[in-house]
Amino acid sequence: MLRILVDTCVWLDLVKDYRNLPLISAIEYIVRQAGDELIVPQVVLDEFERNKERVAADAKRSLHSHFSLVCEAAKRFGDARDYSGTKRG
């Protein structure tokens, strides 16, 4: 049996970045399917509860920034007709 203990700052860093979603999903799968344990001391739960709103706001800003960059790149390098409502083809 695998037992995993992760400190609060690691959890907060994991959830802050959308690119960590596959890792979080893998941890969830291991705990649910393999019957392994995730050890979470009360102090970690308390710290996470205190900080989760701030981290969620940071994650939202990060994701918004990422999508803005993607949209700008698409507009810069894509076909302008794709953004004017005109269908191609």
PDB file of N, CA and C in Angstrom:
ATOM      1  N   MET A   1       0.847  -1.181   0.000  1.00  0.00           N
ATOM      2  CA  MET A   1       0.000   0.000   0.000  1.00  0.00           C
ATOM      3  C   MET A   1       0.891   1.242   0.000  1.00  0.00           C
ATOM      4  N   LEU A   2       0.537   2.176  -0.858  1.00  0.00           N
ATOM      5  CA  LEU A   2       1.246   3.441  -0.975  1.00  0.00           C
ATOM      6  C   LEU A   2       0.558   4.479  -0.106  1.00  0.00           C
ATOM      7  N   ARG A   3       1.340   5.213   0.660  1.00  0.00           N
ATOM      8  CA  ARG A   3       0.805   6.315   1.469  1.00  0.00           C
ATOM      9  C   ARG A   3       1.509   7.585   1.028  1.00  0.00           C
ATOM     10  N   ILE A   4       0.731   8.607   0.711  1.00  0.00           N
ATOM     11  CA  ILE A   4       1.276   9.858   0.201  1.00  0.00           C
ATOM     12  C   ILE A   4       0.961  10.969   1.190  1.00  0.00           C
ATOM     13  N   LEU A   5       1.989  11.724   1.565  1.00  0.00           N
ATOM     14  CA  LEU A   5       1.825  12.889   2.425  1.00  0.00           C
ATOM     15  C   LEU A   5       2.406  14.081   1.677  1.00  0.00           C
ATOM     16  N   VAL A   6       1.577  15.084   1.469  1.00  0.00           N
ATOM     17  CA  VAL A   6       2.014  16.269   0.745  1.00  0.00           C
ATOM     18  C   VAL A   6       1.702  17.490   1.596  1.00  0.00           C
ATOM     19  N   ASP A   7       2.676  18.385   1.719  1.00  0.00           N
ATOM     20  CA  ASP A   7       2.520  19.593   2.523  1.00  0.00           C
ATOM     21  C   ASP A   7       1.560  20.576   1.841  1.00  0.00           C
ATOM     22  N   THR A   8       1.030  21.500   2.614  1.00  0.00           N
ATOM     23  CA  THR A   8       0.060  22.461   2.112  1.00  0.00           C
ATOM     24  C   THR A   8       0.585  23.276   0.943  1.00  0.00           C
ATOM     25  N   CYS A   9       1.812  23.768   1.049  1.00  0.00           N
ATOM     26  CA  CYS A   9       2.331  24.612  -0.027  1.00  0.00           C
ATOM     27  C   CYS A   9       2.404  23.841  -1.342  1.00  0.00           C
ATOM     28  N   VAL A  10       2.656  22.540  -1.272  1.00  0.00           N
ATOM     29  CA  VAL A  10       2.686  21.723  -2.485  1.00  0.00           C
ATOM     30  C   VAL A  10       1.279  21.614  -3.071  1.00  0.00           C
ATOM     31  N   TRP A  11       0.278  21.371  -2.235  1.00  0.00           N
ATOM     32  CA  TRP A  11      -1.103  21.301  -2.718  1.00  0.00           C
ATOM     33  C   TRP A  11      -1.516  22.614  -3.362  1.00  0.00           C
ATOM     34  N   LEU A  12      -1.194  23.714  -2.689  1.00  0.00           N
ATOM     35  CA  LEU A  12      -1.578  25.025  -3.212  1.00  0.00           C
ATOM     36  C   LEU A  12      -0.896  25.307  -4.545  1.00  0.00           C
ATOM     37  N   ASP A  13       0.371  24.924  -4.667  1.00  0.00           N
ATOM     38  CA  ASP A  13       1.072  25.102  -5.937  1.00  0.00           C
ATOM     39  C   ASP A  13       0.486  24.210  -7.023  1.00  0.00           C
ATOM     40  N   LEU A  14       0.091  23.001  -6.658  1.00  0.00           N
ATOM     41  CA  LEU A  14      -0.507  22.088  -7.637  1.00  0.00           C
ATOM     42  C   LEU A  14      -1.812  22.635  -8.201  1.00  0.00           C
ATOM     43  N   VAL A  15      -2.679  23.111  -7.329  1.00  0.00           N
ATOM     44  CA  VAL A  15      -3.992  23.561  -7.795  1.00  0.00           C
ATOM     45  C   VAL A  15      -3.943  24.926  -8.459  1.00  0.00           C
ATOM     46  N   LYS A  16      -2.872  25.642  -8.267  1.00  0.00           N
ATOM     47  CA  LYS A  16      -2.744  26.985  -8.832  1.00  0.00           C
ATOM     48  C   LYS A  16      -2.547  26.953 -10.344  1.00  0.00           C
ATOM     49  N   ASP A  17      -1.935  25.893 -10.847  1.00  0.00           N
ATOM     50  CA  ASP A  17      -1.549  25.836 -12.250  1.00  0.00           C
ATOM     51  C   ASP A  17      -2.355  24.755 -12.975  1.00  0.00           C
ATOM     52  N   TYR A  18      -3.136  25.157 -13.969  1.00  0.00           N
ATOM     53  CA  TYR A  18      -3.984  24.220 -14.706  1.00  0.00           C
ATOM     54  C   TYR A  18      -3.185  23.092 -15.351  1.00  0.00           C
ATOM     55  N   ARG A  19      -1.889  23.325 -15.601  1.00  0.00           N
ATOM     56  CA  ARG A  19      -1.073  22.281 -16.233  1.00  0.00           C
ATOM     57  C   ARG A  19      -0.826  21.102 -15.297  1.00  0.00           C
ATOM     58  N   ASN A  20      -1.138  21.254 -14.030  1.00  0.00           N
ATOM     59  CA  ASN A  20      -0.981  20.161 -13.059  1.00  0.00           C
ATOM     60  C   ASN A  20      -2.214  19.270 -12.967  1.00  0.00           C
ATOM     61  N   LEU A  21      -3.252  19.583 -13.729  1.00  0.00           N
ATOM     62  CA  LEU A  21      -4.477  18.795 -13.671  1.00  0.00           C
ATOM     63  C   LEU A  21      -4.239  17.307 -13.927  1.00  0.00           C
ATOM     64  N   PRO A  22      -3.391  16.918 -14.901  1.00  0.00           N
ATOM     65  CA  PRO A  22      -3.145  15.476 -15.080  1.00  0.00           C
ATOM     66  C   PRO A  22      -2.518  14.826 -13.841  1.00  0.00           C
ATOM     67  N   LEU A  23      -1.650  15.537 -13.158  1.00  0.00           N
ATOM     68  CA  LEU A  23      -1.040  14.997 -11.944  1.00  0.00           C
ATOM     69  C   LEU A  23      -2.079  14.855 -10.842  1.00  0.00           C
ATOM     70  N   ILE A  24      -2.917  15.853 -10.696  1.00  0.00           N
ATOM     71  CA  ILE A  24      -3.973  15.786  -9.685  1.00  0.00           C
ATOM     72  C   ILE A  24      -4.929  14.635 -10.003  1.00  0.00           C
ATOM     73  N   SER A  25      -5.254  14.480 -11.273  1.00  0.00           N
ATOM     74  CA  SER A  25      -6.133  13.368 -11.683  1.00  0.00           C
ATOM     75  C   SER A  25      -5.484  12.022 -11.400  1.00  0.00           C
ATOM     76  N   ALA A  26      -4.189  11.922 -11.630  1.00  0.00           N
ATOM     77  CA  ALA A  26      -3.473  10.671 -11.350  1.00  0.00           C
ATOM     78  C   ALA A  26      -3.488  10.357  -9.860  1.00  0.00           C
ATOM     79  N   ILE A  27      -3.288  11.361  -9.041  1.00  0.00           N
ATOM     80  CA  ILE A  27      -3.329  11.157  -7.584  1.00  0.00           C
ATOM     81  C   ILE A  27      -4.732  10.702  -7.176  1.00  0.00           C
ATOM     82  N   GLU A  28      -5.743  11.355  -7.724  1.00  0.00           N
ATOM     83  CA  GLU A  28      -7.122  10.975  -7.420  1.00  0.00           C
ATOM     84  C   GLU A  28      -7.388   9.531  -7.837  1.00  0.00           C
ATOM     85  N   TYR A  29      -6.900   9.150  -9.006  1.00  0.00           N
ATOM     86  CA  TYR A  29      -7.090   7.777  -9.492  1.00  0.00           C
ATOM     87  C   TYR A  29      -6.414   6.768  -8.560  1.00  0.00           C
ATOM     88  N   ILE A  30      -5.199   7.058  -8.167  1.00  0.00           N
ATOM     89  CA  ILE A  30      -4.454   6.155  -7.282  1.00  0.00           C
ATOM     90  C   ILE A  30      -5.206   5.947  -5.971  1.00  0.00           C
ATOM     91  N   VAL A  31      -5.704   7.030  -5.414  1.00  0.00           N
ATOM     92  CA  VAL A  31      -6.403   6.934  -4.130  1.00  0.00           C
ATOM     93  C   VAL A  31      -7.719   6.177  -4.284  1.00  0.00           C
ATOM     94  N   ARG A  32      -8.472   6.461  -5.350  1.00  0.00           N
ATOM     95  CA  ARG A  32      -9.790   5.829  -5.524  1.00  0.00           C
ATOM     96  C   ARG A  32      -9.709   4.381  -6.001  1.00  0.00           C
ATOM     97  N   GLN A  33      -8.863   4.130  -6.979  1.00  0.00           N
ATOM     98  CA  GLN A  33      -8.848   2.825  -7.622  1.00  0.00           C
ATOM     99  C   GLN A  33      -7.897   1.824  -6.973  1.00  0.00           C
ATOM    100  N   ALA A  34      -6.743   2.298  -6.595  1.00  0.00           N
ATOM    101  CA  ALA A  34      -5.732   1.378  -6.086  1.00  0.00           C
ATOM    102  C   ALA A  34      -5.856   1.150  -4.579  1.00  0.00           C
ATOM    103  N   GLY A  35      -6.691   1.946  -3.938  1.00  0.00           N
ATOM    104  CA  GLY A  35      -6.878   1.766  -2.505  1.00  0.00           C
ATOM    105  C   GLY A  35      -5.734   2.310  -1.670  1.00  0.00           C
ATOM    106  N   ASP A  36      -4.882   3.111  -2.294  1.00  0.00           N
ATOM    107  CA  ASP A  36      -3.798   3.729  -1.537  1.00  0.00           C
ATOM    108  C   ASP A  36      -4.356   4.880  -0.720  1.00  0.00           C
ATOM    109  N   GLU A  37      -3.515   5.436   0.151  1.00  0.00           N
ATOM    110  CA  GLU A  37      -3.997   6.454   1.072  1.00  0.00           C
ATOM    111  C   GLU A  37      -3.306   7.784   0.841  1.00  0.00           C
ATOM    112  N   LEU A  38      -4.083   8.812   0.995  1.00  0.00           N
ATOM    113  CA  LEU A  38      -3.573  10.168   0.977  1.00  0.00           C
ATOM    114  C   LEU A  38      -3.648  10.655   2.418  1.00  0.00           C
ATOM    115  N   ILE A  39      -2.504  10.895   3.014  1.00  0.00           N
ATOM    116  CA  ILE A  39      -2.450  11.301   4.412  1.00  0.00           C
ATOM    117  C   ILE A  39      -2.506  12.823   4.472  1.00  0.00           C
ATOM    118  N   VAL A  40      -3.546  13.337   5.122  1.00  0.00           N
ATOM    119  CA  VAL A  40      -3.736  14.778   5.190  1.00  0.00           C
ATOM    120  C   VAL A  40      -3.957  15.176   6.648  1.00  0.00           C
ATOM    121  N   PRO A  41      -2.908  15.689   7.296  1.00  0.00           N
ATOM    122  CA  PRO A  41      -3.070  16.143   8.679  1.00  0.00           C
ATOM    123  C   PRO A  41      -4.040  17.328   8.759  1.00  0.00           C
ATOM    124  N   GLN A  42      -4.661  17.507   9.876  1.00  0.00           N
ATOM    125  CA  GLN A  42      -5.639  18.581  10.059  1.00  0.00           C
ATOM    126  C   GLN A  42      -5.026  19.948   9.775  1.00  0.00           C
ATOM    127  N   VAL A  43      -3.793  20.162  10.138  1.00  0.00           N
ATOM    128  CA  VAL A  43      -3.161  21.459   9.901  1.00  0.00           C
ATOM    129  C   VAL A  43      -3.083  21.767   8.398  1.00  0.00           C
ATOM    130  N   VAL A  44      -2.879  20.745   7.587  1.00  0.00           N
ATOM    131  CA  VAL A  44      -2.849  20.930   6.131  1.00  0.00           C
ATOM    132  C   VAL A  44      -4.241  21.309   5.631  1.00  0.00           C
ATOM    133  N   LEU A  45      -5.267  20.629   6.125  1.00  0.00           N
ATOM    134  CA  LEU A  45      -6.639  20.966   5.747  1.00  0.00           C
ATOM    135  C   LEU A  45      -6.991  22.398   6.145  1.00  0.00           C
ATOM    136  N   ASP A  46      -6.577  22.788   7.355  1.00  0.00           N
ATOM    137  CA  ASP A  46      -6.853  24.146   7.838  1.00  0.00           C
ATOM    138  C   ASP A  46      -6.142  25.195   6.982  1.00  0.00           C
ATOM    139  N   GLU A  47      -4.875  24.955   6.672  1.00  0.00           N
ATOM    140  CA  GLU A  47      -4.117  25.904   5.851  1.00  0.00           C
ATOM    141  C   GLU A  47      -4.701  25.992   4.449  1.00  0.00           C
ATOM    142  N   PHE A  48      -5.095  24.862   3.897  1.00  0.00           N
ATOM    143  CA  PHE A  48      -5.694  24.855   2.571  1.00  0.00           C
ATOM    144  C   PHE A  48      -6.993  25.651   2.588  1.00  0.00           C
ATOM    145  N   GLU A  49      -7.813  25.448   3.602  1.00  0.00           N
ATOM    146  CA  GLU A  49      -9.088  26.172   3.720  1.00  0.00           C
ATOM    147  C   GLU A  49      -8.852  27.685   3.788  1.00  0.00           C
ATOM    148  N   ARG A  50      -7.843  28.102   4.540  1.00  0.00           N
ATOM    149  CA  ARG A  50      -7.537  29.531   4.661  1.00  0.00           C
ATOM    150  C   ARG A  50      -7.054  30.147   3.355  1.00  0.00           C
ATOM    151  N   ASN A  51      -6.358  29.372   2.539  1.00  0.00           N
ATOM    152  CA  ASN A  51      -5.709  29.912   1.354  1.00  0.00           C
ATOM    153  C   ASN A  51      -6.407  29.597   0.033  1.00  0.00           C
ATOM    154  N   LYS A  52      -7.431  28.768   0.030  1.00  0.00           N
ATOM    155  CA  LYS A  52      -7.975  28.286  -1.239  1.00  0.00           C
ATOM    156  C   LYS A  52      -8.608  29.397  -2.078  1.00  0.00           C
ATOM    157  N   GLU A  53      -9.230  30.394  -1.476  1.00  0.00           N
ATOM    158  CA  GLU A  53      -9.821  31.469  -2.263  1.00  0.00           C
ATOM    159  C   GLU A  53      -8.743  32.284  -2.975  1.00  0.00           C
ATOM    160  N   ARG A  54      -7.668  32.571  -2.293  1.00  0.00           N
ATOM    161  CA  ARG A  54      -6.568  33.313  -2.904  1.00  0.00           C
ATOM    162  C   ARG A  54      -5.948  32.512  -4.038  1.00  0.00           C
ATOM    163  N   VAL A  55      -5.754  31.234  -3.811  1.00  0.00           N
ATOM    164  CA  VAL A  55      -5.159  30.372  -4.833  1.00  0.00           C
ATOM    165  C   VAL A  55      -6.105  30.226  -6.025  1.00  0.00           C
ATOM    166  N   ALA A  56      -7.393  30.119  -5.767  1.00  0.00           N
ATOM    167  CA  ALA A  56      -8.365  30.032  -6.862  1.00  0.00           C
ATOM    168  C   ALA A  56      -8.332  31.308  -7.701  1.00  0.00           C
ATOM    169  N   ALA A  57      -8.218  32.448  -7.050  1.00  0.00           N
ATOM    170  CA  ALA A  57      -8.141  33.715  -7.789  1.00  0.00           C
ATOM    171  C   ALA A  57      -6.861  33.773  -8.616  1.00  0.00           C
ATOM    172  N   ASP A  58      -5.752  33.320  -8.039  1.00  0.00           N
ATOM    173  CA  ASP A  58      -4.485  33.271  -8.783  1.00  0.00           C
ATOM    174  C   ASP A  58      -4.599  32.354  -9.991  1.00  0.00           C
ATOM    175  N   ALA A  59      -5.226  31.201  -9.801  1.00  0.00           N
ATOM    176  CA  ALA A  59      -5.391  30.242 -10.895  1.00  0.00           C
ATOM    177  C   ALA A  59      -6.270  30.825 -11.991  1.00  0.00           C
ATOM    178  N   LYS A  60      -7.313  31.521 -11.599  1.00  0.00           N
ATOM    179  CA  LYS A  60      -8.207  32.139 -12.577  1.00  0.00           C
ATOM    180  C   LYS A  60      -7.455  33.189 -13.399  1.00  0.00           C
ATOM    181  N   ARG A  61      -6.656  34.012 -12.732  1.00  0.00           N
ATOM    182  CA  ARG A  61      -5.864  35.020 -13.449  1.00  0.00           C
ATOM    183  C   ARG A  61      -4.870  34.362 -14.394  1.00  0.00           C
ATOM    184  N   SER A  62      -4.232  33.306 -13.934  1.00  0.00           N
ATOM    185  CA  SER A  62      -3.254  32.600 -14.754  1.00  0.00           C
ATOM    186  C   SER A  62      -3.907  31.995 -15.990  1.00  0.00           C
ATOM    187  N   LEU A  63      -5.050  31.360 -15.806  1.00  0.00           N
ATOM    188  CA  LEU A  63      -5.755  30.749 -16.926  1.00  0.00           C
ATOM    189  C   LEU A  63      -6.256  31.810 -17.901  1.00  0.00           C
ATOM    190  N   HIS A  64      -6.769  32.906 -17.377  1.00  0.00           N
ATOM    191  CA  HIS A  64      -7.232  34.004 -18.226  1.00  0.00           C
ATOM    192  C   HIS A  64      -6.070  34.554 -19.044  1.00  0.00           C
ATOM    193  N   SER A  65      -4.933  34.719 -18.418  1.00  0.00           N
ATOM    194  CA  SER A  65      -3.742  35.212 -19.110  1.00  0.00           C
ATOM    195  C   SER A  65      -3.318  34.245 -20.217  1.00  0.00           C
ATOM    196  N   HIS A  66      -3.355  32.960 -19.907  1.00  0.00           N
ATOM    197  CA  HIS A  66      -2.977  31.943 -20.886  1.00  0.00           C
ATOM    198  C   HIS A  66      -3.906  31.995 -22.104  1.00  0.00           C
ATOM    199  N   PHE A  67      -5.221  32.051 -21.857  1.00  0.00           N
ATOM    200  CA  PHE A  67      -6.169  32.099 -22.961  1.00  0.00           C
ATOM    201  C   PHE A  67      -6.036  33.390 -23.754  1.00  0.00           C
ATOM    202  N   SER A  68      -5.723  34.484 -23.083  1.00  0.00           N
ATOM    203  CA  SER A  68      -5.509  35.744 -23.800  1.00  0.00           C
ATOM    204  C   SER A  68      -4.328  35.624 -24.750  1.00  0.00           C
ATOM    205  N   LEU A  69      -3.256  34.991 -24.282  1.00  0.00           N
ATOM    206  CA  LEU A  69      -2.086  34.787 -25.141  1.00  0.00           C
ATOM    207  C   LEU A  69      -2.423  33.898 -26.334  1.00  0.00           C
ATOM    208  N   VAL A  70      -3.188  32.851 -26.095  1.00  0.00           N
ATOM    209  CA  VAL A  70      -3.586  31.948 -27.180  1.00  0.00           C
ATOM    210  C   VAL A  70      -4.451  32.694 -28.194  1.00  0.00           C
ATOM    211  N   CYS A  71      -5.403  33.475 -27.721  1.00  0.00           N
ATOM    212  CA  CYS A  71      -6.266  34.236 -28.625  1.00  0.00           C
ATOM    213  C   CYS A  71      -5.464  35.243 -29.436  1.00  0.00           C
ATOM    214  N   GLU A  72      -4.549  35.938 -28.793  1.00  0.00           N
ATOM    215  CA  GLU A  72      -3.709  36.903 -29.507  1.00  0.00           C
ATOM    216  C   GLU A  72      -2.870  36.209 -30.579  1.00  0.00           C
ATOM    217  N   ALA A  73      -2.306  35.057 -30.243  1.00  0.00           N
ATOM    218  CA  ALA A  73      -1.506  34.315 -31.220  1.00  0.00           C
ATOM    219  C   ALA A  73      -2.380  33.858 -32.383  1.00  0.00           C
ATOM    220  N   ALA A  74      -3.594  33.395 -32.082  1.00  0.00           N
ATOM    221  CA  ALA A  74      -4.499  32.951 -33.138  1.00  0.00           C
ATOM    222  C   ALA A  74      -4.871  34.107 -34.052  1.00  0.00           C
ATOM    223  N   LYS A  75      -5.132  35.265 -33.468  1.00  0.00           N
ATOM    224  CA  LYS A  75      -5.477  36.443 -34.271  1.00  0.00           C
ATOM    225  C   LYS A  75      -4.287  36.908 -35.101  1.00  0.00           C
ATOM    226  N   ARG A  76      -3.129  36.836 -34.509  1.00  0.00           N
ATOM    227  CA  ARG A  76      -1.926  37.317 -35.198  1.00  0.00           C
ATOM    228  C   ARG A  76      -1.533  36.411 -36.361  1.00  0.00           C
ATOM    229  N   PHE A  77      -1.627  35.111 -36.147  1.00  0.00           N
ATOM    230  CA  PHE A  77      -1.135  34.173 -37.155  1.00  0.00           C
ATOM    231  C   PHE A  77      -2.247  33.460 -37.923  1.00  0.00           C
ATOM    232  N   GLY A  78      -3.495  33.635 -37.485  1.00  0.00           N
ATOM    233  CA  GLY A  78      -4.602  32.956 -38.149  1.00  0.00           C
ATOM    234  C   GLY A  78      -5.186  33.793 -39.263  1.00  0.00           C
ATOM    235  N   ASP A  79      -6.224  33.289 -39.835  1.00  0.00           N
ATOM    236  CA  ASP A  79      -6.946  33.951 -40.910  1.00  0.00           C
ATOM    237  C   ASP A  79      -7.956  34.914 -40.283  1.00  0.00           C
ATOM    238  N   ALA A  80      -7.917  36.175 -40.677  1.00  0.00           N
ATOM    239  CA  ALA A  80      -8.803  37.184 -40.104  1.00  0.00           C
ATOM    240  C   ALA A  80     -10.274  36.840 -40.311  1.00  0.00           C
ATOM    241  N   ARG A  81     -10.594  36.117 -41.369  1.00  0.00           N
ATOM    242  CA  ARG A  81     -11.993  35.731 -41.625  1.00  0.00           C
ATOM    243  C   ARG A  81     -12.536  34.827 -40.526  1.00  0.00           C
ATOM    244  N   ASP A  82     -11.651  34.110 -39.833  1.00  0.00           N
ATOM    245  CA  ASP A  82     -12.082  33.225 -38.756  1.00  0.00           C
ATOM    246  C   ASP A  82     -12.636  34.023 -37.571  1.00  0.00           C
ATOM    247  N   TYR A  83     -12.322  35.298 -37.497  1.00  0.00           N
ATOM    248  CA  TYR A  83     -12.728  36.104 -36.345  1.00  0.00           C
ATOM    249  C   TYR A  83     -13.799  37.131 -36.702  1.00  0.00           C
ATOM    250  N   SER A  84     -14.176  37.175 -37.969  1.00  0.00           N
ATOM    251  CA  SER A  84     -15.169  38.171 -38.389  1.00  0.00           C
ATOM    252  C   SER A  84     -16.568  37.581 -38.485  1.00  0.00           C
ATOM    253  N   GLY A  85     -16.702  36.307 -38.157  1.00  0.00           N
ATOM    254  CA  GLY A  85     -18.004  35.667 -38.245  1.00  0.00           C
ATOM    255  C   GLY A  85     -18.257  35.040 -39.602  1.00  0.00           C
ATOM    256  N   THR A  86     -17.324  35.214 -40.537  1.00  0.00           N
ATOM    257  CA  THR A  86     -17.458  34.639 -41.872  1.00  0.00           C
ATOM    258  C   THR A  86     -16.949  33.214 -41.860  1.00  0.00           C
ATOM    259  N   LYS A  87     -17.757  32.296 -42.353  1.00  0.00           N
ATOM    260  CA  LYS A  87     -17.303  30.904 -42.401  1.00  0.00           C
ATOM    261  C   LYS A  87     -16.447  30.678 -43.605  1.00  0.00           C
ATOM    262  N   ARG A  88     -15.452  29.834 -43.413  1.00  0.00           N
ATOM    263  CA  ARG A  88     -14.562  29.476 -44.524  1.00  0.00           C
ATOM    264  C   ARG A  88     -15.143  28.267 -45.232  1.00  0.00           C
ATOM    265  N   GLY A  89     -14.749  28.157 -46.509  1.00  0.00           N
ATOM    266  CA  GLY A  89     -15.088  26.935 -47.181  1.00  0.00           C
ATOM    267  C   GLY A  89     -15.939  27.104 -48.302  1.00  0.00           C
TER     268      GLY A  89
END
